[in-house]
Amino acid sequence: MKTKMISLLLALVMVLSLTACGGAGNGTTAPPDSGQSAQPVDALSDTHIFIDDCGREVEIPSEITRLVPSGPLAQIVLFALAPEMFVGLATKWHESAEGIIADEYLELPYFGQLYGSADLNMEELAFAAPQIIVDIGEAKGSIVADLDTLQTQTNIPSVFVSATLETMPETYRKLGELLGKQEEAERIAQFCERVYDRTLSIMEEVGDNKVDALYILGAEGLNVLANGSYHAELIDMLTNNLAVVDDASSRGTGNAVGMEQLSVWDPDYIIFAPVSIYSDVAEKETWREMTAIANGNYIEVPEGPHNWMGSPPAVQR
């Protein structure tokens, strides 16, 4: 058990050292003779066609200086690359961001998000006059229709760039092409590659000795990030995630389960999300009977200015 604990904590340290790293797809701006990149509309045009990661051809400005993220994941990924381009936020910064993130960014207007809380204020967003709206992450089944509708309603080009923990370097390279920030994007991409590859090498040494673990969320501790879900990428990589369910949720709230199921899984180690029952879980009789709690093998994920393990599953991991 001690060996497993050390392996998990070492891997966590490697990944949590990331200041910017998380996912990608196929969106590119293609060379003139390729169907995969930017092509001038005409010789005198100041726009070009960008083929995003859901195959949509979107006419975008050739020089972008003003953008809006579609949601929290896009906000974190883009903020690492181009904070000066933000004209508004998809989600409000956590209170711990004060003193870490410059005041000028803390004071940006809040427009809401396309997915998740689905509280996007399209009128206020359009009034801020961004040149582009960028969605990043996992492609929803309705992504094409959603972005087409958003683009029609706001008259602002809207594009999607896919992102996973493994493919984050390519995500940044594509964003660098999109935003004209290739040099900075390449620097971040190479950093992501180094940390990800180092973590992989550590986990190869761990081999089959991964800790049996659960990532638990919710005020009552009755939600888990299911094995194989988009939000569980990191926990799946570093542990033997016991939360195997029939229908893994793609939502950040994970899958709801009962206390009986948690007891059946009975992990050696539990990682609690912020704002959970972590602080007093050892005082609850049912929880005290679980191996991880009885042995003191449980931690709470740090938060500030983002949840270090996810929520959203962006580059802060």
C-alpha atoms as a PDB file:
ATOM      1  CA  MET A   1       0.000   0.000   0.000  1.00  0.00           C
ATOM      2  CA  LYS A   2       2.851   2.376   0.868  1.00  0.00           C
ATOM      3  CA  THR A   3       4.413   1.783  -2.557  1.00  0.00           C
ATOM      4  CA  LYS A   4       1.096   2.479  -4.255  1.00  0.00           C
ATOM      5  CA  MET A   5       0.649   5.676  -2.227  1.00  0.00           C
ATOM      6  CA  ILE A   6       4.092   6.961  -3.158  1.00  0.00           C
ATOM      7  CA  SER A   7       3.483   6.137  -6.836  1.00  0.00           C
ATOM      8  CA  LEU A   8       0.167   8.001  -6.881  1.00  0.00           C
ATOM      9  CA  LEU A   9       1.483  11.049  -5.056  1.00  0.00           C
ATOM     10  CA  LEU A  10       4.585  11.254  -7.250  1.00  0.00           C
ATOM     11  CA  ALA A  11       2.460  11.105 -10.376  1.00  0.00           C
ATOM     12  CA  LEU A  12       0.106  13.719  -8.981  1.00  0.00           C
ATOM     13  CA  VAL A  13       3.026  16.058  -8.296  1.00  0.00           C
ATOM     14  CA  MET A  14       4.187  15.680 -11.871  1.00  0.00           C
ATOM     15  CA  VAL A  15       0.799  16.478 -13.372  1.00  0.00           C
ATOM     16  CA  LEU A  16      -0.147  19.194 -10.894  1.00  0.00           C
ATOM     17  CA  SER A  17       3.032  21.037 -11.838  1.00  0.00           C
ATOM     18  CA  LEU A  18       1.273  21.909 -15.074  1.00  0.00           C
ATOM     19  CA  THR A  19       0.454  25.576 -15.400  1.00  0.00           C
ATOM     20  CA  ALA A  20      -1.075  25.092 -18.790  1.00  0.00           C
ATOM     21  CA  CYS A  21      -1.884  21.760 -20.440  1.00  0.00           C
ATOM     22  CA  GLY A  22      -5.149  19.700 -21.670  1.00  0.00           C
ATOM     23  CA  GLY A  23      -6.572  18.577 -25.376  1.00  0.00           C
ATOM     24  CA  ALA A  24      -6.854  18.882 -29.186  1.00  0.00           C
ATOM     25  CA  GLY A  25      -8.473  17.759 -32.425  1.00  0.00           C
ATOM     26  CA  ASN A  26      -8.186  18.464 -36.135  1.00  0.00           C
ATOM     27  CA  GLY A  27      -8.976  22.179 -36.519  1.00  0.00           C
ATOM     28  CA  THR A  28      -6.349  23.775 -38.734  1.00  0.00           C
ATOM     29  CA  THR A  29      -5.749  26.624 -41.083  1.00  0.00           C
ATOM     30  CA  ALA A  30      -4.583  24.845 -44.277  1.00  0.00           C
ATOM     31  CA  PRO A  31      -1.885  25.686 -46.798  1.00  0.00           C
ATOM     32  CA  PRO A  32      -3.259  26.862 -50.153  1.00  0.00           C
ATOM     33  CA  ASP A  33      -3.042  23.382 -51.671  1.00  0.00           C
ATOM     34  CA  SER A  34      -4.448  21.533 -48.658  1.00  0.00           C
ATOM     35  CA  GLY A  35      -8.035  20.994 -47.573  1.00  0.00           C
ATOM     36  CA  GLN A  36      -6.938  21.157 -43.950  1.00  0.00           C
ATOM     37  CA  SER A  37      -6.019  24.815 -43.394  1.00  0.00           C
ATOM     38  CA  ALA A  38      -6.592  28.467 -43.932  1.00  0.00           C
ATOM     39  CA  GLN A  39      -7.289  29.581 -47.468  1.00  0.00           C
ATOM     40  CA  PRO A  40      -7.601  33.220 -48.509  1.00  0.00           C
ATOM     41  CA  VAL A  41     -11.099  34.171 -49.612  1.00  0.00           C
ATOM     42  CA  ASP A  42      -9.480  36.368 -52.261  1.00  0.00           C
ATOM     43  CA  ALA A  43      -6.217  38.201 -52.774  1.00  0.00           C
ATOM     44  CA  LEU A  44      -7.423  41.423 -51.117  1.00  0.00           C
ATOM     45  CA  SER A  45      -9.506  39.852 -48.356  1.00  0.00           C
ATOM     46  CA  ASP A  46      -8.795  40.301 -44.646  1.00  0.00           C
ATOM     47  CA  THR A  47     -10.485  37.018 -43.788  1.00  0.00           C
ATOM     48  CA  HIS A  48      -9.768  33.347 -44.380  1.00  0.00           C
ATOM     49  CA  ILE A  49     -11.489  30.010 -43.936  1.00  0.00           C
ATOM     50  CA  PHE A  50     -10.796  28.010 -40.785  1.00  0.00           C
ATOM     51  CA  ILE A  51     -11.837  24.348 -40.704  1.00  0.00           C
ATOM     52  CA  ASP A  52     -12.623  23.580 -37.091  1.00  0.00           C
ATOM     53  CA  ASP A  53     -12.530  20.228 -35.330  1.00  0.00           C
ATOM     54  CA  CYS A  54     -16.129  19.354 -36.122  1.00  0.00           C
ATOM     55  CA  GLY A  55     -15.510  19.936 -39.840  1.00  0.00           C
ATOM     56  CA  ARG A  56     -17.207  23.336 -40.117  1.00  0.00           C
ATOM     57  CA  GLU A  57     -15.759  25.881 -42.535  1.00  0.00           C
ATOM     58  CA  VAL A  58     -15.841  29.244 -40.773  1.00  0.00           C
ATOM     59  CA  GLU A  59     -14.790  32.575 -42.234  1.00  0.00           C
ATOM     60  CA  ILE A  60     -12.677  34.349 -39.629  1.00  0.00           C
ATOM     61  CA  PRO A  61     -10.616  37.573 -39.509  1.00  0.00           C
ATOM     62  CA  SER A  62      -7.014  37.157 -40.580  1.00  0.00           C
ATOM     63  CA  GLU A  63      -5.909  39.153 -37.548  1.00  0.00           C
ATOM     64  CA  ILE A  64      -7.704  38.430 -34.279  1.00  0.00           C
ATOM     65  CA  THR A  65      -7.332  40.690 -31.251  1.00  0.00           C
ATOM     66  CA  ARG A  66     -10.702  40.257 -29.500  1.00  0.00           C
ATOM     67  CA  LEU A  67     -12.184  36.919 -28.416  1.00  0.00           C
ATOM     68  CA  VAL A  68     -14.669  35.309 -26.056  1.00  0.00           C
ATOM     69  CA  PRO A  69     -14.462  31.726 -24.712  1.00  0.00           C
ATOM     70  CA  SER A  70     -17.619  29.621 -24.911  1.00  0.00           C
ATOM     71  CA  GLY A  71     -17.179  28.065 -21.468  1.00  0.00           C
ATOM     72  CA  PRO A  72     -14.867  27.512 -18.463  1.00  0.00           C
ATOM     73  CA  LEU A  73     -12.617  24.979 -20.220  1.00  0.00           C
ATOM     74  CA  ALA A  74     -12.056  27.265 -23.201  1.00  0.00           C
ATOM     75  CA  GLN A  75     -11.485  30.176 -20.824  1.00  0.00           C
ATOM     76  CA  ILE A  76      -8.635  28.451 -18.980  1.00  0.00           C
ATOM     77  CA  VAL A  77      -6.969  27.107 -22.127  1.00  0.00           C
ATOM     78  CA  LEU A  78      -7.156  30.430 -23.957  1.00  0.00           C
ATOM     79  CA  PHE A  79      -6.145  32.500 -20.938  1.00  0.00           C
ATOM     80  CA  ALA A  80      -2.796  30.697 -20.824  1.00  0.00           C
ATOM     81  CA  LEU A  81      -2.132  31.782 -24.413  1.00  0.00           C
ATOM     82  CA  ALA A  82      -3.893  35.077 -25.096  1.00  0.00           C
ATOM     83  CA  PRO A  83      -5.294  36.818 -21.991  1.00  0.00           C
ATOM     84  CA  GLU A  84      -4.922  40.220 -23.652  1.00  0.00           C
ATOM     85  CA  MET A  85      -7.498  39.221 -26.297  1.00  0.00           C
ATOM     86  CA  PHE A  86     -10.331  38.569 -23.826  1.00  0.00           C
ATOM     87  CA  VAL A  87     -13.278  40.969 -23.952  1.00  0.00           C
ATOM     88  CA  GLY A  88     -15.358  38.908 -21.522  1.00  0.00           C
ATOM     89  CA  LEU A  89     -15.556  35.729 -19.466  1.00  0.00           C
ATOM     90  CA  ALA A  90     -17.571  32.538 -19.613  1.00  0.00           C
ATOM     91  CA  THR A  91     -17.295  31.977 -15.865  1.00  0.00           C
ATOM     92  CA  LYS A  92     -16.355  34.157 -12.933  1.00  0.00           C
ATOM     93  CA  TRP A  93     -12.930  33.649 -11.429  1.00  0.00           C
ATOM     94  CA  HIS A  94     -12.695  31.799  -8.113  1.00  0.00           C
ATOM     95  CA  GLU A  95     -12.168  34.209  -5.196  1.00  0.00           C
ATOM     96  CA  SER A  96      -8.640  32.850  -4.743  1.00  0.00           C
ATOM     97  CA  ALA A  97      -7.691  34.310  -8.145  1.00  0.00           C
ATOM     98  CA  GLU A  98      -7.332  37.752  -6.569  1.00  0.00           C
ATOM     99  CA  GLY A  99      -3.636  38.502  -6.309  1.00  0.00           C
ATOM    100  CA  ILE A 100      -2.799  35.751  -8.809  1.00  0.00           C
ATOM    101  CA  ILE A 101      -4.619  37.010 -11.885  1.00  0.00           C
ATOM    102  CA  ALA A 102      -4.256  40.688 -12.821  1.00  0.00           C
ATOM    103  CA  ASP A 103      -7.135  42.958 -11.796  1.00  0.00           C
ATOM    104  CA  GLU A 104      -7.820  43.929 -15.409  1.00  0.00           C
ATOM    105  CA  TYR A 105      -8.846  40.343 -16.125  1.00  0.00           C
ATOM    106  CA  LEU A 106     -10.787  39.898 -12.909  1.00  0.00           C
ATOM    107  CA  GLU A 107     -12.909  42.892 -13.875  1.00  0.00           C
ATOM    108  CA  LEU A 108     -13.879  41.673 -17.346  1.00  0.00           C
ATOM    109  CA  PRO A 109     -17.637  41.355 -17.989  1.00  0.00           C
ATOM    110  CA  TYR A 110     -19.256  37.957 -17.513  1.00  0.00           C
ATOM    111  CA  PHE A 111     -21.281  36.569 -20.436  1.00  0.00           C
ATOM    112  CA  GLY A 112     -22.010  33.018 -19.235  1.00  0.00           C
ATOM    113  CA  GLN A 113     -21.419  29.744 -21.059  1.00  0.00           C
ATOM    114  CA  LEU A 114     -22.812  27.844 -24.020  1.00  0.00           C
ATOM    115  CA  TYR A 115     -22.936  24.491 -22.195  1.00  0.00           C
ATOM    116  CA  GLY A 116     -22.894  23.572 -18.500  1.00  0.00           C
ATOM    117  CA  SER A 117     -25.041  26.235 -16.873  1.00  0.00           C
ATOM    118  CA  ALA A 118     -26.165  27.232 -20.401  1.00  0.00           C
ATOM    119  CA  ASP A 119     -26.569  30.852 -19.276  1.00  0.00           C
ATOM    120  CA  LEU A 120     -24.876  32.529 -22.233  1.00  0.00           C
ATOM    121  CA  ASN A 121     -26.106  36.115 -22.651  1.00  0.00           C
ATOM    122  CA  MET A 122     -25.855  36.465 -26.422  1.00  0.00           C
ATOM    123  CA  GLU A 123     -26.962  40.103 -26.487  1.00  0.00           C
ATOM    124  CA  GLU A 124     -24.295  41.263 -24.032  1.00  0.00           C
ATOM    125  CA  LEU A 125     -21.712  39.102 -25.767  1.00  0.00           C
ATOM    126  CA  ALA A 126     -22.506  40.563 -29.183  1.00  0.00           C
ATOM    127  CA  PHE A 127     -22.436  44.090 -27.733  1.00  0.00           C
ATOM    128  CA  ALA A 128     -18.830  43.510 -26.600  1.00  0.00           C
ATOM    129  CA  ALA A 129     -17.950  42.930 -30.276  1.00  0.00           C
ATOM    130  CA  PRO A 130     -15.481  40.039 -30.120  1.00  0.00           C
ATOM    131  CA  GLN A 131     -14.114  38.910 -33.473  1.00  0.00           C
ATOM    132  CA  ILE A 132     -14.485  35.239 -32.607  1.00  0.00           C
ATOM    133  CA  ILE A 133     -16.038  32.835 -30.094  1.00  0.00           C
ATOM    134  CA  VAL A 134     -13.914  29.781 -29.316  1.00  0.00           C
ATOM    135  CA  ASP A 135     -15.246  26.493 -27.927  1.00  0.00           C
ATOM    136  CA  ILE A 136     -12.648  23.989 -26.699  1.00  0.00           C
ATOM    137  CA  GLY A 137     -12.875  20.481 -25.265  1.00  0.00           C
ATOM    138  CA  GLU A 138     -15.040  17.462 -25.980  1.00  0.00           C
ATOM    139  CA  ALA A 139     -17.386  17.682 -28.948  1.00  0.00           C
ATOM    140  CA  LYS A 140     -21.014  17.426 -27.850  1.00  0.00           C
ATOM    141  CA  GLY A 141     -23.362  15.483 -30.117  1.00  0.00           C
ATOM    142  CA  SER A 142     -25.093  18.736 -31.037  1.00  0.00           C
ATOM    143  CA  ILE A 143     -21.893  20.763 -31.497  1.00  0.00           C
ATOM    144  CA  VAL A 144     -22.390  21.590 -35.185  1.00  0.00           C
ATOM    145  CA  ALA A 145     -25.956  22.794 -34.741  1.00  0.00           C
ATOM    146  CA  ASP A 146     -25.065  24.628 -31.526  1.00  0.00           C
ATOM    147  CA  LEU A 147     -22.204  26.602 -33.054  1.00  0.00           C
ATOM    148  CA  ASP A 148     -24.108  27.305 -36.264  1.00  0.00           C
ATOM    149  CA  THR A 149     -26.981  28.702 -34.185  1.00  0.00           C
ATOM    150  CA  LEU A 150     -24.649  30.727 -31.985  1.00  0.00           C
ATOM    151  CA  GLN A 151     -22.919  32.163 -35.032  1.00  0.00           C
ATOM    152  CA  THR A 152     -26.222  33.059 -36.686  1.00  0.00           C
ATOM    153  CA  GLN A 153     -27.665  34.680 -33.581  1.00  0.00           C
ATOM    154  CA  THR A 154     -24.591  36.751 -32.730  1.00  0.00           C
ATOM    155  CA  ASN A 155     -23.152  37.237 -36.222  1.00  0.00           C
ATOM    156  CA  ILE A 156     -19.766  36.330 -34.714  1.00  0.00           C
ATOM    157  CA  PRO A 157     -17.596  33.519 -36.129  1.00  0.00           C
ATOM    158  CA  SER A 158     -17.716  30.552 -33.731  1.00  0.00           C
ATOM    159  CA  VAL A 159     -15.231  27.687 -33.902  1.00  0.00           C
ATOM    160  CA  PHE A 160     -14.500  24.438 -32.053  1.00  0.00           C
ATOM    161  CA  VAL A 161     -11.058  23.015 -31.191  1.00  0.00           C
ATOM    162  CA  SER A 162     -11.017  19.616 -29.509  1.00  0.00           C
ATOM    163  CA  ALA A 163      -8.901  18.995 -26.417  1.00  0.00           C
ATOM    164  CA  THR A 164      -7.832  16.035 -24.311  1.00  0.00           C
ATOM    165  CA  LEU A 165      -5.094  15.617 -21.740  1.00  0.00           C
ATOM    166  CA  GLU A 166      -2.928  13.787 -24.279  1.00  0.00           C
ATOM    167  CA  THR A 167      -3.512  16.053 -27.260  1.00  0.00           C
ATOM    168  CA  MET A 168      -3.224  19.437 -25.532  1.00  0.00           C
ATOM    169  CA  PRO A 169       0.057  20.250 -27.313  1.00  0.00           C
ATOM    170  CA  GLU A 170      -1.686  20.046 -30.693  1.00  0.00           C
ATOM    171  CA  THR A 171      -4.593  22.073 -29.336  1.00  0.00           C
ATOM    172  CA  TYR A 172      -2.202  24.890 -28.517  1.00  0.00           C
ATOM    173  CA  ARG A 173      -0.515  24.693 -31.889  1.00  0.00           C
ATOM    174  CA  LYS A 174      -3.882  25.030 -33.605  1.00  0.00           C
ATOM    175  CA  LEU A 175      -4.864  27.908 -31.362  1.00  0.00           C
ATOM    176  CA  GLY A 176      -1.539  29.546 -32.159  1.00  0.00           C
ATOM    177  CA  GLU A 177      -2.383  29.403 -35.864  1.00  0.00           C
ATOM    178  CA  LEU A 178      -5.918  30.617 -35.211  1.00  0.00           C
ATOM    179  CA  LEU A 179      -4.847  33.603 -33.115  1.00  0.00           C
ATOM    180  CA  GLY A 180      -1.542  34.423 -34.787  1.00  0.00           C
ATOM    181  CA  LYS A 181       0.437  33.464 -31.664  1.00  0.00           C
ATOM    182  CA  GLN A 182       2.450  30.539 -33.002  1.00  0.00           C
ATOM    183  CA  GLU A 183       5.621  31.192 -31.019  1.00  0.00           C
ATOM    184  CA  GLU A 184       3.940  31.398 -27.622  1.00  0.00           C
ATOM    185  CA  ALA A 185       1.664  28.472 -28.468  1.00  0.00           C
ATOM    186  CA  GLU A 186       4.665  26.324 -29.383  1.00  0.00           C
ATOM    187  CA  ARG A 187       6.352  27.155 -26.087  1.00  0.00           C
ATOM    188  CA  ILE A 188       3.268  26.021 -24.155  1.00  0.00           C
ATOM    189  CA  ALA A 189       2.835  22.960 -26.380  1.00  0.00           C
ATOM    190  CA  GLN A 190       6.386  21.800 -25.726  1.00  0.00           C
ATOM    191  CA  PHE A 191       5.960  22.312 -21.989  1.00  0.00           C
ATOM    192  CA  CYS A 192       2.796  20.204 -22.051  1.00  0.00           C
ATOM    193  CA  GLU A 193       4.607  17.474 -23.982  1.00  0.00           C
ATOM    194  CA  ARG A 194       7.487  17.365 -21.522  1.00  0.00           C
ATOM    195  CA  VAL A 195       5.282  17.060 -18.455  1.00  0.00           C
ATOM    196  CA  TYR A 196       2.860  14.607 -20.028  1.00  0.00           C
ATOM    197  CA  ASP A 197       5.642  12.364 -21.350  1.00  0.00           C
ATOM    198  CA  ARG A 198       7.436  12.432 -17.995  1.00  0.00           C
ATOM    199  CA  THR A 199       4.232  11.450 -16.221  1.00  0.00           C
ATOM    200  CA  LEU A 200       3.678   8.617 -18.682  1.00  0.00           C
ATOM    201  CA  SER A 201       7.167   7.284 -18.007  1.00  0.00           C
ATOM    202  CA  ILE A 202       6.501   7.348 -14.267  1.00  0.00           C
ATOM    203  CA  MET A 203       3.228   5.482 -14.693  1.00  0.00           C
ATOM    204  CA  GLU A 204       4.949   2.896 -16.886  1.00  0.00           C
ATOM    205  CA  GLU A 205       7.245   2.173 -13.953  1.00  0.00           C
ATOM    206  CA  VAL A 206       4.231   1.919 -11.662  1.00  0.00           C
ATOM    207  CA  GLY A 207       2.729  -0.591 -14.093  1.00  0.00           C
ATOM    208  CA  ASP A 208       0.003  -2.729 -12.529  1.00  0.00           C
ATOM    209  CA  ASN A 209       0.683  -1.296  -9.070  1.00  0.00           C
ATOM    210  CA  LYS A 210      -1.703   1.621  -9.446  1.00  0.00           C
ATOM    211  CA  VAL A 211      -3.706   2.560  -6.370  1.00  0.00           C
ATOM    212  CA  ASP A 212      -7.356   1.460  -6.367  1.00  0.00           C
ATOM    213  CA  ALA A 213      -9.046   4.828  -6.101  1.00  0.00           C
ATOM    214  CA  LEU A 214     -12.178   6.911  -6.512  1.00  0.00           C
ATOM    215  CA  TYR A 215     -12.620  10.590  -7.316  1.00  0.00           C
ATOM    216  CA  ILE A 216     -15.631  11.713  -5.287  1.00  0.00           C
ATOM    217  CA  LEU A 217     -17.674  14.877  -5.766  1.00  0.00           C
ATOM    218  CA  GLY A 218     -20.717  16.551  -4.292  1.00  0.00           C
ATOM    219  CA  ALA A 219     -21.759  17.921  -0.915  1.00  0.00           C
ATOM    220  CA  GLU A 220     -22.846  14.432   0.194  1.00  0.00           C
ATOM    221  CA  GLY A 221     -20.006  12.620  -1.558  1.00  0.00           C
ATOM    222  CA  LEU A 222     -22.372  10.562  -3.672  1.00  0.00           C
ATOM    223  CA  ASN A 223     -21.043  11.401  -7.133  1.00  0.00           C
ATOM    224  CA  VAL A 224     -17.991   9.932  -8.859  1.00  0.00           C
ATOM    225  CA  LEU A 225     -16.013  10.584 -12.004  1.00  0.00           C
ATOM    226  CA  ALA A 226     -16.643   7.354 -13.906  1.00  0.00           C
ATOM    227  CA  ASN A 227     -13.851   5.359 -15.479  1.00  0.00           C
ATOM    228  CA  GLY A 228     -13.523   6.264 -19.166  1.00  0.00           C
ATOM    229  CA  SER A 229     -15.410   9.551 -18.958  1.00  0.00           C
ATOM    230  CA  TYR A 230     -13.963  12.767 -20.388  1.00  0.00           C
ATOM    231  CA  HIS A 231     -13.645  14.326 -16.944  1.00  0.00           C
ATOM    232  CA  ALA A 232     -11.861  11.264 -15.518  1.00  0.00           C
ATOM    233  CA  GLU A 233      -8.850  11.403 -17.865  1.00  0.00           C
ATOM    234  CA  LEU A 234      -6.405  12.319 -15.118  1.00  0.00           C
ATOM    235  CA  ILE A 235      -7.706   9.983 -12.419  1.00  0.00           C
ATOM    236  CA  ASP A 236      -7.783   7.139 -14.979  1.00  0.00           C
ATOM    237  CA  MET A 237      -4.200   7.863 -15.961  1.00  0.00           C
ATOM    238  CA  LEU A 238      -2.817   7.914 -12.424  1.00  0.00           C
ATOM    239  CA  THR A 239      -4.918   5.290 -10.639  1.00  0.00           C
ATOM    240  CA  ASN A 240      -7.041   2.197 -11.072  1.00  0.00           C
ATOM    241  CA  ASN A 241     -10.330   4.106 -11.125  1.00  0.00           C
ATOM    242  CA  LEU A 242     -12.852   1.705  -9.610  1.00  0.00           C
ATOM    243  CA  ALA A 243     -15.863   3.744 -10.735  1.00  0.00           C
ATOM    244  CA  VAL A 244     -16.915   1.508 -13.628  1.00  0.00           C
ATOM    245  CA  VAL A 245     -20.534   2.224 -14.597  1.00  0.00           C
ATOM    246  CA  ASP A 246     -22.795   1.396 -17.532  1.00  0.00           C
ATOM    247  CA  ASP A 247     -23.278   4.988 -18.696  1.00  0.00           C
ATOM    248  CA  ALA A 248     -20.323   7.229 -17.851  1.00  0.00           C
ATOM    249  CA  SER A 249     -21.509  10.831 -17.652  1.00  0.00           C
ATOM    250  CA  SER A 250     -19.752  13.501 -19.690  1.00  0.00           C
ATOM    251  CA  ARG A 251     -20.824  16.163 -17.189  1.00  0.00           C
ATOM    252  CA  GLY A 252     -18.483  17.619 -14.606  1.00  0.00           C
ATOM    253  CA  THR A 253     -20.829  16.520 -11.831  1.00  0.00           C
ATOM    254  CA  GLY A 254     -20.041  12.904 -12.707  1.00  0.00           C
ATOM    255  CA  ASN A 255     -22.309   9.926 -12.019  1.00  0.00           C
ATOM    256  CA  ALA A 256     -24.581   9.751  -8.999  1.00  0.00           C
ATOM    257  CA  VAL A 257     -24.126   6.572  -6.935  1.00  0.00           C
ATOM    258  CA  GLY A 258     -25.320   5.263  -3.580  1.00  0.00           C
ATOM    259  CA  MET A 259     -23.351   4.733  -0.396  1.00  0.00           C
ATOM    260  CA  GLU A 260     -23.804   1.005  -0.853  1.00  0.00           C
ATOM    261  CA  GLN A 261     -22.008   1.114  -4.208  1.00  0.00           C
ATOM    262  CA  LEU A 262     -19.166   3.167  -2.746  1.00  0.00           C
ATOM    263  CA  SER A 263     -18.796   0.549  -0.007  1.00  0.00           C
ATOM    264  CA  VAL A 264     -18.692  -2.242  -2.595  1.00  0.00           C
ATOM    265  CA  TRP A 265     -15.910  -0.473  -4.483  1.00  0.00           C
ATOM    266  CA  ASP A 266     -14.147   0.250  -1.153  1.00  0.00           C
ATOM    267  CA  PRO A 267     -11.072   1.982  -2.630  1.00  0.00           C
ATOM    268  CA  ASP A 268      -7.648   2.099  -1.022  1.00  0.00           C
ATOM    269  CA  TYR A 269      -7.495   5.815  -1.759  1.00  0.00           C
ATOM    270  CA  ILE A 270     -10.102   8.565  -2.188  1.00  0.00           C
ATOM    271  CA  ILE A 271      -9.604  11.953  -3.815  1.00  0.00           C
ATOM    272  CA  PHE A 272     -12.331  14.402  -2.826  1.00  0.00           C
ATOM    273  CA  ALA A 273     -13.223  17.330  -5.055  1.00  0.00           C
ATOM    274  CA  PRO A 274     -13.429  20.788  -3.461  1.00  0.00           C
ATOM    275  CA  VAL A 275     -16.746  21.612  -1.774  1.00  0.00           C
ATOM    276  CA  SER A 276     -17.444  18.060  -0.634  1.00  0.00           C
ATOM    277  CA  ILE A 277     -17.705  16.191   2.648  1.00  0.00           C
ATOM    278  CA  TYR A 278     -13.935  15.927   2.996  1.00  0.00           C
ATOM    279  CA  SER A 279     -13.617  18.021   6.171  1.00  0.00           C
ATOM    280  CA  ASP A 280     -15.839  15.836   8.346  1.00  0.00           C
ATOM    281  CA  VAL A 281     -16.009  12.557   6.429  1.00  0.00           C
ATOM    282  CA  ALA A 282     -14.073  10.698   9.150  1.00  0.00           C
ATOM    283  CA  GLU A 283     -16.817  11.584  11.635  1.00  0.00           C
ATOM    284  CA  LYS A 284     -19.501   9.784   9.623  1.00  0.00           C
ATOM    285  CA  GLU A 285     -19.975   6.191  10.693  1.00  0.00           C
ATOM    286  CA  THR A 286     -20.716   4.738   7.256  1.00  0.00           C
ATOM    287  CA  TRP A 287     -17.702   6.424   5.728  1.00  0.00           C
ATOM    288  CA  ARG A 288     -15.373   5.419   8.586  1.00  0.00           C
ATOM    289  CA  GLU A 289     -15.875   1.795   7.602  1.00  0.00           C
ATOM    290  CA  MET A 290     -14.340   2.348   4.176  1.00  0.00           C
ATOM    291  CA  THR A 291     -10.704   1.280   3.803  1.00  0.00           C
ATOM    292  CA  ALA A 292      -9.432   4.640   2.519  1.00  0.00           C
ATOM    293  CA  ILE A 293     -11.033   6.604   5.361  1.00  0.00           C
ATOM    294  CA  ALA A 294     -10.079   4.101   8.064  1.00  0.00           C
ATOM    295  CA  ASN A 295      -6.435   4.217   6.932  1.00  0.00           C
ATOM    296  CA  GLY A 296      -6.367   7.981   6.461  1.00  0.00           C
ATOM    297  CA  ASN A 297      -5.654   7.618   2.752  1.00  0.00           C
ATOM    298  CA  TYR A 298      -7.792  10.456   1.428  1.00  0.00           C
ATOM    299  CA  ILE A 299      -7.109  14.006   0.300  1.00  0.00           C
ATOM    300  CA  GLU A 300      -8.953  17.063  -0.950  1.00  0.00           C
ATOM    301  CA  VAL A 301      -8.010  18.541  -4.330  1.00  0.00           C
ATOM    302  CA  PRO A 302      -6.584  22.071  -4.028  1.00  0.00           C
ATOM    303  CA  GLU A 303      -8.563  24.883  -5.634  1.00  0.00           C
ATOM    304  CA  GLY A 304      -7.101  28.196  -6.580  1.00  0.00           C
ATOM    305  CA  PRO A 305      -7.489  29.802  -8.930  1.00  0.00           C
ATOM    306  CA  HIS A 306      -8.867  26.573 -10.471  1.00  0.00           C
ATOM    307  CA  ASN A 307      -9.632  23.038  -9.321  1.00  0.00           C
ATOM    308  CA  TRP A 308      -6.271  21.305  -9.881  1.00  0.00           C
ATOM    309  CA  MET A 309      -7.779  18.013 -11.092  1.00  0.00           C
ATOM    310  CA  GLY A 310     -10.556  19.278 -13.355  1.00  0.00           C
ATOM    311  CA  SER A 311     -13.905  21.080 -13.245  1.00  0.00           C
ATOM    312  CA  PRO A 312     -13.255  21.948 -15.978  1.00  0.00           C
ATOM    313  CA  PRO A 313     -10.759  19.364 -17.300  1.00  0.00           C
ATOM    314  CA  ALA A 314      -8.488  21.981 -18.866  1.00  0.00           C
ATOM    315  CA  VAL A 315      -4.796  22.888 -18.786  1.00  0.00           C
ATOM    316  CA  GLN A 316      -4.633  23.532 -15.030  1.00  0.00           C
ATOM    317  CA  ARG A 317      -4.272  19.752 -14.659  1.00  0.00           C
END
